[in-house]
Amino acid sequence: MNTRPKLLVSVRSAAEALAALRGGADLIDVKEPNNGPLGKAADDVIAAVIDAVAGRAPVSAAYGEWADGGVNAIIDPRLTFVKWGLAGYSGSVSKAYAEMARVSGGRAVLAIYADKDAGHTPENLQLLVLLKKHRPPAVLFDTHRKDGRPLTSHLDRDVMAFITRLRNRGRVAVALAGSLTTLEIPAVARLGPDWIAVRGAACEGGRTGTVTEQKVAELKRLIAESV
């Protein structure tokens, strides 16, 4: 039987972080949606969110695409996780992740884009080798194009089986994201991820709108009823 997934809510301000906490978010993630699928927020915004959360939940942050200069990132030491994607990157995935881990002090989460034509995505076998070699704290399955198509529209049986395999091994945590709405969340919850990650579904006004306590609380109830 699957355990109940936790809810990750991406926020772009301290005020949104507080609303997400009141609604029951389990993990607060900081990103700026206007800067891309893993758009990095300004350093002072990341710091303000961490201060507002004040240890009541773990905090992660998106740091964009590794090809855009991730190696030069300055990481707030209070972050639990740091996320990078591989869009635009053409080198060794294993080498890239080794550098991510070094820069982040072992907190690096690799984003795997399910819409494979939109960004550099390792094949399942390549990813398994990477996970065995580096043991990242988590991997994130997401979508690169924010065109309204949810993650579920990109998942074939092989990918779903792969996600289940990762989850059942228990060696790496799995987060699922990508334009997920209340329509997709029950099916995603039954895949058994550690986290379901949302932005738009937690907002009034969509992905670039504002996170509200009511929306987050609704998502928490939906996840609880789905597993």
C-alpha atoms as a PDB file:
ATOM      1  CA  MET A   1       0.000   0.000   0.000  1.00  0.00           C
ATOM      2  CA  ASN A   2       1.344   3.421  -0.936  1.00  0.00           C
ATOM      3  CA  THR A   3       2.137   5.905   1.768  1.00  0.00           C
ATOM      4  CA  ARG A   4       0.486   9.290   1.462  1.00  0.00           C
ATOM      5  CA  PRO A   5       2.510  11.745  -0.612  1.00  0.00           C
ATOM      6  CA  LYS A   6       3.476  15.035   0.972  1.00  0.00           C
ATOM      7  CA  LEU A   7       2.619  18.356  -0.620  1.00  0.00           C
ATOM      8  CA  LEU A   8       5.311  20.674  -1.976  1.00  0.00           C
ATOM      9  CA  VAL A   9       4.157  24.185  -2.841  1.00  0.00           C
ATOM     10  CA  SER A  10       6.321  26.543  -4.893  1.00  0.00           C
ATOM     11  CA  VAL A  11       6.163  30.157  -3.732  1.00  0.00           C
ATOM     12  CA  ARG A  12       7.606  33.429  -4.956  1.00  0.00           C
ATOM     13  CA  SER A  13       7.441  35.470  -1.731  1.00  0.00           C
ATOM     14  CA  ALA A  14       7.431  35.240   2.047  1.00  0.00           C
ATOM     15  CA  ALA A  15       3.704  36.080   2.092  1.00  0.00           C
ATOM     16  CA  GLU A  16       2.953  33.137  -0.205  1.00  0.00           C
ATOM     17  CA  ALA A  17       5.113  30.883   1.974  1.00  0.00           C
ATOM     18  CA  LEU A  18       3.034  31.767   5.026  1.00  0.00           C
ATOM     19  CA  ALA A  19      -0.211  31.105   3.131  1.00  0.00           C
ATOM     20  CA  ALA A  20       1.132  27.716   2.009  1.00  0.00           C
ATOM     21  CA  LEU A  21       2.097  26.825   5.567  1.00  0.00           C
ATOM     22  CA  ARG A  22      -1.348  27.753   6.887  1.00  0.00           C
ATOM     23  CA  GLY A  23      -2.893  25.538   4.210  1.00  0.00           C
ATOM     24  CA  GLY A  24      -0.787  22.582   5.296  1.00  0.00           C
ATOM     25  CA  ALA A  25       2.125  22.471   2.829  1.00  0.00           C
ATOM     26  CA  ASP A  26       4.794  19.997   3.895  1.00  0.00           C
ATOM     27  CA  LEU A  27       7.669  21.527   1.934  1.00  0.00           C
ATOM     28  CA  ILE A  28       8.061  25.120   0.781  1.00  0.00           C
ATOM     29  CA  ASP A  29       9.876  25.615  -2.507  1.00  0.00           C
ATOM     30  CA  VAL A  30      11.089  28.983  -3.749  1.00  0.00           C
ATOM     31  CA  LYS A  31      11.034  29.810  -7.449  1.00  0.00           C
ATOM     32  CA  GLU A  32      10.181  32.648  -9.813  1.00  0.00           C
ATOM     33  CA  PRO A  33       7.779  31.354 -12.501  1.00  0.00           C
ATOM     34  CA  ASN A  34       8.567  34.245 -14.832  1.00  0.00           C
ATOM     35  CA  ASN A  35      12.156  32.971 -15.081  1.00  0.00           C
ATOM     36  CA  GLY A  36      11.340  29.557 -16.549  1.00  0.00           C
ATOM     37  CA  PRO A  37      10.230  26.093 -15.376  1.00  0.00           C
ATOM     38  CA  LEU A  38      12.880  26.096 -12.636  1.00  0.00           C
ATOM     39  CA  GLY A  39      13.216  29.853 -12.469  1.00  0.00           C
ATOM     40  CA  LYS A  40      15.499  31.046  -9.708  1.00  0.00           C
ATOM     41  CA  ALA A  41      14.169  33.739  -7.390  1.00  0.00           C
ATOM     42  CA  ALA A  42      16.403  36.547  -6.193  1.00  0.00           C
ATOM     43  CA  ASP A  43      18.707  35.671  -3.303  1.00  0.00           C
ATOM     44  CA  ASP A  44      16.942  38.116  -0.986  1.00  0.00           C
ATOM     45  CA  VAL A  45      13.580  36.467  -1.778  1.00  0.00           C
ATOM     46  CA  ILE A  46      14.993  33.028  -0.940  1.00  0.00           C
ATOM     47  CA  ALA A  47      16.356  34.376   2.331  1.00  0.00           C
ATOM     48  CA  ALA A  48      13.059  36.101   3.184  1.00  0.00           C
ATOM     49  CA  VAL A  49      11.099  32.884   2.615  1.00  0.00           C
ATOM     50  CA  ILE A  50      13.473  30.906   4.827  1.00  0.00           C
ATOM     51  CA  ASP A  51      13.138  33.547   7.537  1.00  0.00           C
ATOM     52  CA  ALA A  52       9.324  33.515   7.290  1.00  0.00           C
ATOM     53  CA  VAL A  53       9.087  29.712   7.412  1.00  0.00           C
ATOM     54  CA  ALA A  54      11.337  29.784  10.494  1.00  0.00           C
ATOM     55  CA  GLY A  55      11.989  26.063  10.595  1.00  0.00           C
ATOM     56  CA  ARG A  56       8.322  24.987  10.487  1.00  0.00           C
ATOM     57  CA  ALA A  57       8.892  23.106   7.216  1.00  0.00           C
ATOM     58  CA  PRO A  58      11.878  22.301   5.026  1.00  0.00           C
ATOM     59  CA  VAL A  59      12.635  24.816   2.287  1.00  0.00           C
ATOM     60  CA  SER A  60      13.973  24.103  -1.186  1.00  0.00           C
ATOM     61  CA  ALA A  61      14.787  26.437  -4.046  1.00  0.00           C
ATOM     62  CA  ALA A  62      14.977  26.229  -7.826  1.00  0.00           C
ATOM     63  CA  TYR A  63      18.287  27.343  -9.307  1.00  0.00           C
ATOM     64  CA  GLY A  64      17.449  27.140 -13.017  1.00  0.00           C
ATOM     65  CA  GLU A  65      19.231  25.110 -15.660  1.00  0.00           C
ATOM     66  CA  TRP A  66      22.715  23.798 -14.985  1.00  0.00           C
ATOM     67  CA  ALA A  67      23.863  25.010 -18.407  1.00  0.00           C
ATOM     68  CA  ASP A  68      23.076  28.593 -17.370  1.00  0.00           C
ATOM     69  CA  GLY A  69      25.908  28.723 -14.855  1.00  0.00           C
ATOM     70  CA  GLY A  70      24.847  26.573 -11.938  1.00  0.00           C
ATOM     71  CA  VAL A  71      28.444  25.925 -10.968  1.00  0.00           C
ATOM     72  CA  ASN A  72      28.733  29.605  -9.968  1.00  0.00           C
ATOM     73  CA  ALA A  73      25.624  29.608  -7.762  1.00  0.00           C
ATOM     74  CA  ILE A  74      25.813  30.881  -4.199  1.00  0.00           C
ATOM     75  CA  ILE A  75      23.607  28.579  -2.118  1.00  0.00           C
ATOM     76  CA  ASP A  76      21.882  29.645   1.091  1.00  0.00           C
ATOM     77  CA  PRO A  77      23.138  27.117   3.680  1.00  0.00           C
ATOM     78  CA  ARG A  78      19.677  26.905   5.284  1.00  0.00           C
ATOM     79  CA  LEU A  79      18.082  25.271   2.244  1.00  0.00           C
ATOM     80  CA  THR A  80      17.199  21.595   2.526  1.00  0.00           C
ATOM     81  CA  PHE A  81      17.231  20.958  -1.240  1.00  0.00           C
ATOM     82  CA  VAL A  82      18.556  22.781  -4.306  1.00  0.00           C
ATOM     83  CA  LYS A  83      17.047  21.979  -7.724  1.00  0.00           C
ATOM     84  CA  TRP A  84      18.607  22.174 -11.167  1.00  0.00           C
ATOM     85  CA  GLY A  85      17.449  21.085 -14.623  1.00  0.00           C
ATOM     86  CA  LEU A  86      19.478  19.928 -17.605  1.00  0.00           C
ATOM     87  CA  ALA A  87      17.806  21.837 -20.458  1.00  0.00           C
ATOM     88  CA  GLY A  88      20.489  23.071 -22.835  1.00  0.00           C
ATOM     89  CA  TYR A  89      23.121  20.777 -21.336  1.00  0.00           C
ATOM     90  CA  SER A  90      24.862  18.284 -23.624  1.00  0.00           C
ATOM     91  CA  GLY A  91      27.619  16.813 -21.471  1.00  0.00           C
ATOM     92  CA  SER A  92      27.799  13.883 -19.083  1.00  0.00           C
ATOM     93  CA  VAL A  93      24.824  13.715 -16.732  1.00  0.00           C
ATOM     94  CA  SER A  94      26.940  11.979 -14.109  1.00  0.00           C
ATOM     95  CA  LYS A  95      29.595  14.690 -14.279  1.00  0.00           C
ATOM     96  CA  ALA A  96      26.975  17.416 -14.075  1.00  0.00           C
ATOM     97  CA  TYR A  97      25.353  15.862 -11.038  1.00  0.00           C
ATOM     98  CA  ALA A  98      28.718  15.402  -9.304  1.00  0.00           C
ATOM     99  CA  GLU A  99      29.262  19.146  -9.691  1.00  0.00           C
ATOM    100  CA  MET A 100      25.712  19.902  -8.504  1.00  0.00           C
ATOM    101  CA  ALA A 101      26.353  17.855  -5.378  1.00  0.00           C
ATOM    102  CA  ARG A 102      29.648  19.627  -4.752  1.00  0.00           C
ATOM    103  CA  VAL A 103      28.226  23.122  -5.212  1.00  0.00           C
ATOM    104  CA  SER A 104      25.184  22.397  -3.040  1.00  0.00           C
ATOM    105  CA  GLY A 105      26.926  20.462  -0.298  1.00  0.00           C
ATOM    106  CA  GLY A 106      25.080  17.251  -1.182  1.00  0.00           C
ATOM    107  CA  ARG A 107      21.611  18.840  -1.359  1.00  0.00           C
ATOM    108  CA  ALA A 108      21.187  18.775  -5.160  1.00  0.00           C
ATOM    109  CA  VAL A 109      17.924  17.526  -6.661  1.00  0.00           C
ATOM    110  CA  LEU A 110      18.023  16.726 -10.376  1.00  0.00           C
ATOM    111  CA  ALA A 111      14.951  17.716 -12.402  1.00  0.00           C
ATOM    112  CA  ILE A 112      14.049  15.170 -15.080  1.00  0.00           C
ATOM    113  CA  TYR A 113      11.884  16.695 -17.798  1.00  0.00           C
ATOM    114  CA  ALA A 114       9.193  14.289 -19.010  1.00  0.00           C
ATOM    115  CA  ASP A 115       8.668  16.217 -22.258  1.00  0.00           C
ATOM    116  CA  LYS A 116      11.994  14.873 -23.485  1.00  0.00           C
ATOM    117  CA  ASP A 117      12.235  16.951 -26.636  1.00  0.00           C
ATOM    118  CA  ALA A 118      12.238  20.129 -24.531  1.00  0.00           C
ATOM    119  CA  GLY A 119      15.447  19.541 -22.595  1.00  0.00           C
ATOM    120  CA  HIS A 120      18.368  17.175 -22.095  1.00  0.00           C
ATOM    121  CA  THR A 121      16.895  14.160 -20.307  1.00  0.00           C
ATOM    122  CA  PRO A 122      18.827  11.026 -19.307  1.00  0.00           C
ATOM    123  CA  GLU A 123      17.364   7.702 -20.355  1.00  0.00           C
ATOM    124  CA  ASN A 124      16.129   5.409 -17.594  1.00  0.00           C
ATOM    125  CA  LEU A 125      19.215   3.177 -17.601  1.00  0.00           C
ATOM    126  CA  GLN A 126      21.538   6.180 -17.536  1.00  0.00           C
ATOM    127  CA  LEU A 127      19.544   7.643 -14.663  1.00  0.00           C
ATOM    128  CA  LEU A 128      19.694   4.393 -12.681  1.00  0.00           C
ATOM    129  CA  VAL A 129      23.482   4.367 -13.022  1.00  0.00           C
ATOM    130  CA  LEU A 130      23.618   7.981 -11.842  1.00  0.00           C
ATOM    131  CA  LEU A 131      21.395   7.273  -8.844  1.00  0.00           C
ATOM    132  CA  LYS A 132      23.442   4.259  -7.837  1.00  0.00           C
ATOM    133  CA  LYS A 133      26.725   6.157  -8.143  1.00  0.00           C
ATOM    134  CA  HIS A 134      25.759   9.469  -6.537  1.00  0.00           C
ATOM    135  CA  ARG A 135      22.749   8.705  -4.290  1.00  0.00           C
ATOM    136  CA  PRO A 136      21.032  12.120  -4.589  1.00  0.00           C
ATOM    137  CA  PRO A 137      18.529  12.987  -1.860  1.00  0.00           C
ATOM    138  CA  ALA A 138      15.700  13.208  -4.424  1.00  0.00           C
ATOM    139  CA  VAL A 139      14.788  13.430  -8.094  1.00  0.00           C
ATOM    140  CA  LEU A 140      12.052  15.604  -9.563  1.00  0.00           C
ATOM    141  CA  PHE A 141       9.999  14.579 -12.603  1.00  0.00           C
ATOM    142  CA  ASP A 142       8.636  17.763 -14.162  1.00  0.00           C
ATOM    143  CA  THR A 143       7.682  19.371 -17.455  1.00  0.00           C
ATOM    144  CA  HIS A 144       9.882  21.910 -19.187  1.00  0.00           C
ATOM    145  CA  ARG A 145       7.203  23.511 -21.346  1.00  0.00           C
ATOM    146  CA  LYS A 146       4.530  25.162 -19.237  1.00  0.00           C
ATOM    147  CA  ASP A 147       1.911  24.955 -21.958  1.00  0.00           C
ATOM    148  CA  GLY A 148      -0.943  23.574 -19.876  1.00  0.00           C
ATOM    149  CA  ARG A 149      -0.177  19.932 -20.650  1.00  0.00           C
ATOM    150  CA  PRO A 150       0.249  18.110 -17.323  1.00  0.00           C
ATOM    151  CA  LEU A 151       2.971  15.657 -16.422  1.00  0.00           C
ATOM    152  CA  THR A 152       0.506  12.791 -16.837  1.00  0.00           C
ATOM    153  CA  SER A 153       0.172  13.512 -20.570  1.00  0.00           C
ATOM    154  CA  HIS A 154       3.887  12.718 -20.977  1.00  0.00           C
ATOM    155  CA  LEU A 155       4.064   9.560 -18.846  1.00  0.00           C
ATOM    156  CA  ASP A 156       4.012   6.267 -20.717  1.00  0.00           C
ATOM    157  CA  ARG A 157       3.912   2.876 -19.000  1.00  0.00           C
ATOM    158  CA  ASP A 158       7.697   2.523 -18.996  1.00  0.00           C
ATOM    159  CA  VAL A 159       8.194   5.859 -17.254  1.00  0.00           C
ATOM    160  CA  MET A 160       5.457   5.140 -14.693  1.00  0.00           C
ATOM    161  CA  ALA A 161       7.010   1.740 -13.969  1.00  0.00           C
ATOM    162  CA  PHE A 162      10.391   3.430 -13.592  1.00  0.00           C
ATOM    163  CA  ILE A 163       9.012   5.950 -11.101  1.00  0.00           C
ATOM    164  CA  THR A 164       7.399   3.144  -9.110  1.00  0.00           C
ATOM    165  CA  ARG A 165      10.673   1.225  -9.159  1.00  0.00           C
ATOM    166  CA  LEU A 166      12.574   4.212  -7.789  1.00  0.00           C
ATOM    167  CA  ARG A 167       9.975   4.761  -5.100  1.00  0.00           C
ATOM    168  CA  ASN A 168       9.867   1.120  -4.023  1.00  0.00           C
ATOM    169  CA  ARG A 169      13.624   0.909  -3.720  1.00  0.00           C
ATOM    170  CA  GLY A 170      13.462   3.608  -1.076  1.00  0.00           C
ATOM    171  CA  ARG A 171      16.960   4.832  -1.856  1.00  0.00           C
ATOM    172  CA  VAL A 172      15.962   8.119  -3.436  1.00  0.00           C
ATOM    173  CA  ALA A 173      12.931  10.290  -2.817  1.00  0.00           C
ATOM    174  CA  VAL A 174      10.694  11.075  -5.793  1.00  0.00           C
ATOM    175  CA  ALA A 175       8.787  14.301  -6.466  1.00  0.00           C
ATOM    176  CA  LEU A 176       6.245  14.619  -9.286  1.00  0.00           C
ATOM    177  CA  ALA A 177       5.353  18.006 -10.767  1.00  0.00           C
ATOM    178  CA  GLY A 178       4.321  19.653 -14.007  1.00  0.00           C
ATOM    179  CA  SER A 179       1.064  21.587 -14.440  1.00  0.00           C
ATOM    180  CA  LEU A 180      -0.774  19.221 -12.114  1.00  0.00           C
ATOM    181  CA  THR A 181      -4.369  20.168 -11.345  1.00  0.00           C
ATOM    182  CA  THR A 182      -7.045  18.672  -9.128  1.00  0.00           C
ATOM    183  CA  LEU A 183      -7.955  16.433 -12.089  1.00  0.00           C
ATOM    184  CA  GLU A 184      -4.536  14.746 -12.236  1.00  0.00           C
ATOM    185  CA  ILE A 185      -3.566  14.660  -8.577  1.00  0.00           C
ATOM    186  CA  PRO A 186      -5.533  11.503  -7.579  1.00  0.00           C
ATOM    187  CA  ALA A 187      -3.790   9.422 -10.266  1.00  0.00           C
ATOM    188  CA  VAL A 188      -0.414  10.972  -9.474  1.00  0.00           C
ATOM    189  CA  ALA A 189      -0.899  10.283  -5.758  1.00  0.00           C
ATOM    190  CA  ARG A 190      -1.521   6.615  -6.482  1.00  0.00           C
ATOM    191  CA  LEU A 191       1.904   6.356  -8.154  1.00  0.00           C
ATOM    192  CA  GLY A 192       3.280   6.725  -4.642  1.00  0.00           C
ATOM    193  CA  PRO A 193       5.696   9.664  -4.893  1.00  0.00           C
ATOM    194  CA  ASP A 194       7.210  11.161  -1.768  1.00  0.00           C
ATOM    195  CA  TRP A 195       6.012  14.612  -2.851  1.00  0.00           C
ATOM    196  CA  ILE A 196       3.465  16.059  -5.211  1.00  0.00           C
ATOM    197  CA  ALA A 197       4.776  19.452  -6.272  1.00  0.00           C
ATOM    198  CA  VAL A 198       2.500  22.275  -7.400  1.00  0.00           C
ATOM    199  CA  ARG A 199       2.474  25.949  -8.199  1.00  0.00           C
ATOM    200  CA  GLY A 200      -0.488  26.828 -10.407  1.00  0.00           C
ATOM    201  CA  ALA A 201      -2.916  24.521  -8.601  1.00  0.00           C
ATOM    202  CA  ALA A 202      -2.155  26.335  -5.345  1.00  0.00           C
ATOM    203  CA  CYS A 203      -2.743  29.790  -6.840  1.00  0.00           C
ATOM    204  CA  GLU A 204      -5.625  32.089  -7.577  1.00  0.00           C
ATOM    205  CA  GLY A 205      -4.909  33.120 -11.141  1.00  0.00           C
ATOM    206  CA  GLY A 206      -2.747  30.217 -12.269  1.00  0.00           C
ATOM    207  CA  ARG A 207       1.012  29.749 -12.232  1.00  0.00           C
ATOM    208  CA  THR A 208       1.799  33.463 -12.126  1.00  0.00           C
ATOM    209  CA  GLY A 209      -1.030  34.208  -9.694  1.00  0.00           C
ATOM    210  CA  THR A 210      -0.934  34.107  -5.903  1.00  0.00           C
ATOM    211  CA  VAL A 211      -0.739  31.082  -3.591  1.00  0.00           C
ATOM    212  CA  THR A 212      -3.694  30.962  -1.197  1.00  0.00           C
ATOM    213  CA  GLU A 213      -4.286  29.059   2.019  1.00  0.00           C
ATOM    214  CA  GLN A 214      -7.623  27.776   0.717  1.00  0.00           C
ATOM    215  CA  LYS A 215      -6.158  26.310  -2.475  1.00  0.00           C
ATOM    216  CA  VAL A 216      -3.364  24.580  -0.561  1.00  0.00           C
ATOM    217  CA  ALA A 217      -5.796  23.145   1.987  1.00  0.00           C
ATOM    218  CA  GLU A 218      -7.959  21.803  -0.869  1.00  0.00           C
ATOM    219  CA  LEU A 219      -4.948  20.043  -2.375  1.00  0.00           C
ATOM    220  CA  LYS A 220      -4.038  18.508   0.969  1.00  0.00           C
ATOM    221  CA  ARG A 221      -7.549  17.106   1.331  1.00  0.00           C
ATOM    222  CA  LEU A 222      -7.508  15.761  -2.218  1.00  0.00           C
ATOM    223  CA  ILE A 223      -4.215  13.915  -1.664  1.00  0.00           C
ATOM    224  CA  ALA A 224      -5.523  12.454   1.608  1.00  0.00           C
ATOM    225  CA  GLU A 225      -8.657  11.182  -0.114  1.00  0.00           C
ATOM    226  CA  SER A 226      -6.732   9.714  -3.067  1.00  0.00           C
ATOM    227  CA  VAL A 227      -4.512   7.198  -1.255  1.00  0.00           C
END
